[in-house]
Amino acid sequence: MNQIERDRLEEDFKQHFVRELLSVLLDKYEQSQSFLSGEPGKQRPQLVLSKSPFNSDYTDEMDFMKRQWMNDVMIGVESQGIISLKWVV
């Protein structure tokens, strides 16, 4: 695989991941009491990667770049003020 193909694969993966990530978070919000009642809640929608649909990609030891790309996307979305991250060990 040449560099152009690798770059394209990375870009496609990142675009897909950001859409899926925001979709999952939006679905969680739309199912929340805050959304259903119209009253502001105390807690924002949260996502734990190890318990999410993204776990298999995030922990894929055969393709570690997926984890890096996912981290890049999440850091980028956080820098836009859309999400906030909490890194746990």
C-alpha atoms as a PDB file:
ATOM      1  CA  MET A   1       0.000   0.000   0.000  1.00  0.00           C
ATOM      2  CA  ASN A   2       1.476   3.337  -1.003  1.00  0.00           C
ATOM      3  CA  GLN A   3       1.346   6.574   1.009  1.00  0.00           C
ATOM      4  CA  ILE A   4      -1.602   7.985  -0.936  1.00  0.00           C
ATOM      5  CA  GLU A   5      -3.662   4.861  -0.247  1.00  0.00           C
ATOM      6  CA  ARG A   6      -2.714   4.936   3.464  1.00  0.00           C
ATOM      7  CA  ASP A   7      -3.665   8.609   3.705  1.00  0.00           C
ATOM      8  CA  ARG A   8      -7.005   7.906   2.012  1.00  0.00           C
ATOM      9  CA  LEU A   9      -7.671   4.976   4.346  1.00  0.00           C
ATOM     10  CA  GLU A  10      -6.905   7.170   7.352  1.00  0.00           C
ATOM     11  CA  GLU A  11      -9.160   9.985   6.138  1.00  0.00           C
ATOM     12  CA  ASP A  12     -12.039   7.586   5.382  1.00  0.00           C
ATOM     13  CA  PHE A  13     -11.700   5.940   8.794  1.00  0.00           C
ATOM     14  CA  LYS A  14     -11.632   9.278  10.608  1.00  0.00           C
ATOM     15  CA  GLN A  15     -14.639  10.646   8.728  1.00  0.00           C
ATOM     16  CA  HIS A  16     -16.636   7.504   9.447  1.00  0.00           C
ATOM     17  CA  PHE A  17     -15.615   7.469  13.100  1.00  0.00           C
ATOM     18  CA  VAL A  18     -16.508  11.100  13.774  1.00  0.00           C
ATOM     19  CA  ARG A  19     -19.964  10.598  12.225  1.00  0.00           C
ATOM     20  CA  GLU A  20     -20.554   7.446  14.254  1.00  0.00           C
ATOM     21  CA  LEU A  21     -19.233   8.986  17.480  1.00  0.00           C
ATOM     22  CA  LEU A  22     -21.480  12.033  17.224  1.00  0.00           C
ATOM     23  CA  SER A  23     -24.416   9.846  16.208  1.00  0.00           C
ATOM     24  CA  VAL A  24     -24.001   7.616  19.281  1.00  0.00           C
ATOM     25  CA  LEU A  25     -23.768  10.638  21.576  1.00  0.00           C
ATOM     26  CA  LEU A  26     -26.810  12.260  19.956  1.00  0.00           C
ATOM     27  CA  ASP A  27     -28.793   9.015  20.304  1.00  0.00           C
ATOM     28  CA  LYS A  28     -27.882   8.846  23.995  1.00  0.00           C
ATOM     29  CA  TYR A  29     -29.024  12.435  24.477  1.00  0.00           C
ATOM     30  CA  GLU A  30     -32.288  11.875  22.605  1.00  0.00           C
ATOM     31  CA  GLN A  31     -33.036   8.932  24.906  1.00  0.00           C
ATOM     32  CA  SER A  32     -32.266  10.939  28.047  1.00  0.00           C
ATOM     33  CA  GLN A  33     -34.769  12.377  30.489  1.00  0.00           C
ATOM     34  CA  SER A  34     -33.421  15.854  29.749  1.00  0.00           C
ATOM     35  CA  PHE A  35     -34.430  15.568  26.129  1.00  0.00           C
ATOM     36  CA  LEU A  36     -37.743  13.844  26.812  1.00  0.00           C
ATOM     37  CA  SER A  37     -38.831  16.272  29.530  1.00  0.00           C
ATOM     38  CA  GLY A  38     -37.296  19.399  28.056  1.00  0.00           C
ATOM     39  CA  GLU A  39     -35.691  20.157  31.427  1.00  0.00           C
ATOM     40  CA  PRO A  40     -31.930  20.645  31.624  1.00  0.00           C
ATOM     41  CA  GLY A  41     -30.176  17.721  33.269  1.00  0.00           C
ATOM     42  CA  LYS A  42     -27.187  17.558  35.541  1.00  0.00           C
ATOM     43  CA  GLN A  43     -25.294  15.087  33.406  1.00  0.00           C
ATOM     44  CA  ARG A  44     -24.241  15.147  29.767  1.00  0.00           C
ATOM     45  CA  PRO A  45     -24.321  12.036  27.584  1.00  0.00           C
ATOM     46  CA  GLN A  46     -21.248   9.936  28.284  1.00  0.00           C
ATOM     47  CA  LEU A  47     -19.469   7.227  26.410  1.00  0.00           C
ATOM     48  CA  VAL A  48     -16.945   4.744  27.757  1.00  0.00           C
ATOM     49  CA  LEU A  49     -15.007   3.385  24.792  1.00  0.00           C
ATOM     50  CA  SER A  50     -14.535  -0.050  26.356  1.00  0.00           C
ATOM     51  CA  LYS A  51     -18.334  -0.382  26.581  1.00  0.00           C
ATOM     52  CA  SER A  52     -19.125   1.171  23.232  1.00  0.00           C
ATOM     53  CA  PRO A  53     -19.561  -0.039  19.666  1.00  0.00           C
ATOM     54  CA  PHE A  54     -16.042   1.315  19.052  1.00  0.00           C
ATOM     55  CA  ASN A  55     -14.279  -1.047  21.464  1.00  0.00           C
ATOM     56  CA  SER A  56     -13.220  -3.598  18.850  1.00  0.00           C
ATOM     57  CA  ASP A  57     -11.526  -0.945  16.716  1.00  0.00           C
ATOM     58  CA  TYR A  58     -10.030   0.842  19.720  1.00  0.00           C
ATOM     59  CA  THR A  59      -8.463  -2.349  21.060  1.00  0.00           C
ATOM     60  CA  ASP A  60      -7.494  -3.886  17.691  1.00  0.00           C
ATOM     61  CA  GLU A  61      -3.894  -4.966  18.266  1.00  0.00           C
ATOM     62  CA  MET A  62      -3.448  -5.964  14.635  1.00  0.00           C
ATOM     63  CA  ASP A  63      -4.157  -2.410  13.452  1.00  0.00           C
ATOM     64  CA  PHE A  64      -2.978  -0.064  16.190  1.00  0.00           C
ATOM     65  CA  MET A  65      -3.390   2.939  13.902  1.00  0.00           C
ATOM     66  CA  LYS A  66      -7.158   2.789  14.409  1.00  0.00           C
ATOM     67  CA  ARG A  67      -6.651   3.703  18.058  1.00  0.00           C
ATOM     68  CA  GLN A  68      -4.373   6.591  17.119  1.00  0.00           C
ATOM     69  CA  TRP A  69      -6.818   7.845  14.513  1.00  0.00           C
ATOM     70  CA  MET A  70      -9.719   7.610  16.970  1.00  0.00           C
ATOM     71  CA  ASN A  71      -7.721   9.563  19.541  1.00  0.00           C
ATOM     72  CA  ASP A  72      -6.873  12.178  16.889  1.00  0.00           C
ATOM     73  CA  VAL A  73     -10.558  12.557  16.015  1.00  0.00           C
ATOM     74  CA  MET A  74     -11.697  12.816  19.637  1.00  0.00           C
ATOM     75  CA  ILE A  75      -9.011  15.397  20.457  1.00  0.00           C
ATOM     76  CA  GLY A  76     -10.027  17.397  17.383  1.00  0.00           C
ATOM     77  CA  VAL A  77     -13.716  17.312  18.291  1.00  0.00           C
ATOM     78  CA  GLU A  78     -12.827  18.308  21.852  1.00  0.00           C
ATOM     79  CA  SER A  79     -10.795  21.272  20.569  1.00  0.00           C
ATOM     80  CA  GLN A  80     -13.935  22.439  18.753  1.00  0.00           C
ATOM     81  CA  GLY A  81     -15.819  22.426  22.068  1.00  0.00           C
ATOM     82  CA  ILE A  82     -18.249  19.711  20.975  1.00  0.00           C
ATOM     83  CA  ILE A  83     -17.186  17.074  23.501  1.00  0.00           C
ATOM     84  CA  SER A  84     -14.983  16.896  26.553  1.00  0.00           C
ATOM     85  CA  LEU A  85     -12.632  14.002  27.187  1.00  0.00           C
ATOM     86  CA  LYS A  86     -11.650  12.315  30.371  1.00  0.00           C
ATOM     87  CA  TRP A  87      -8.711   9.948  30.005  1.00  0.00           C
ATOM     88  CA  VAL A  88      -8.658   7.088  32.500  1.00  0.00           C
ATOM     89  CA  VAL A  89      -6.030   4.422  32.938  1.00  0.00           C
END
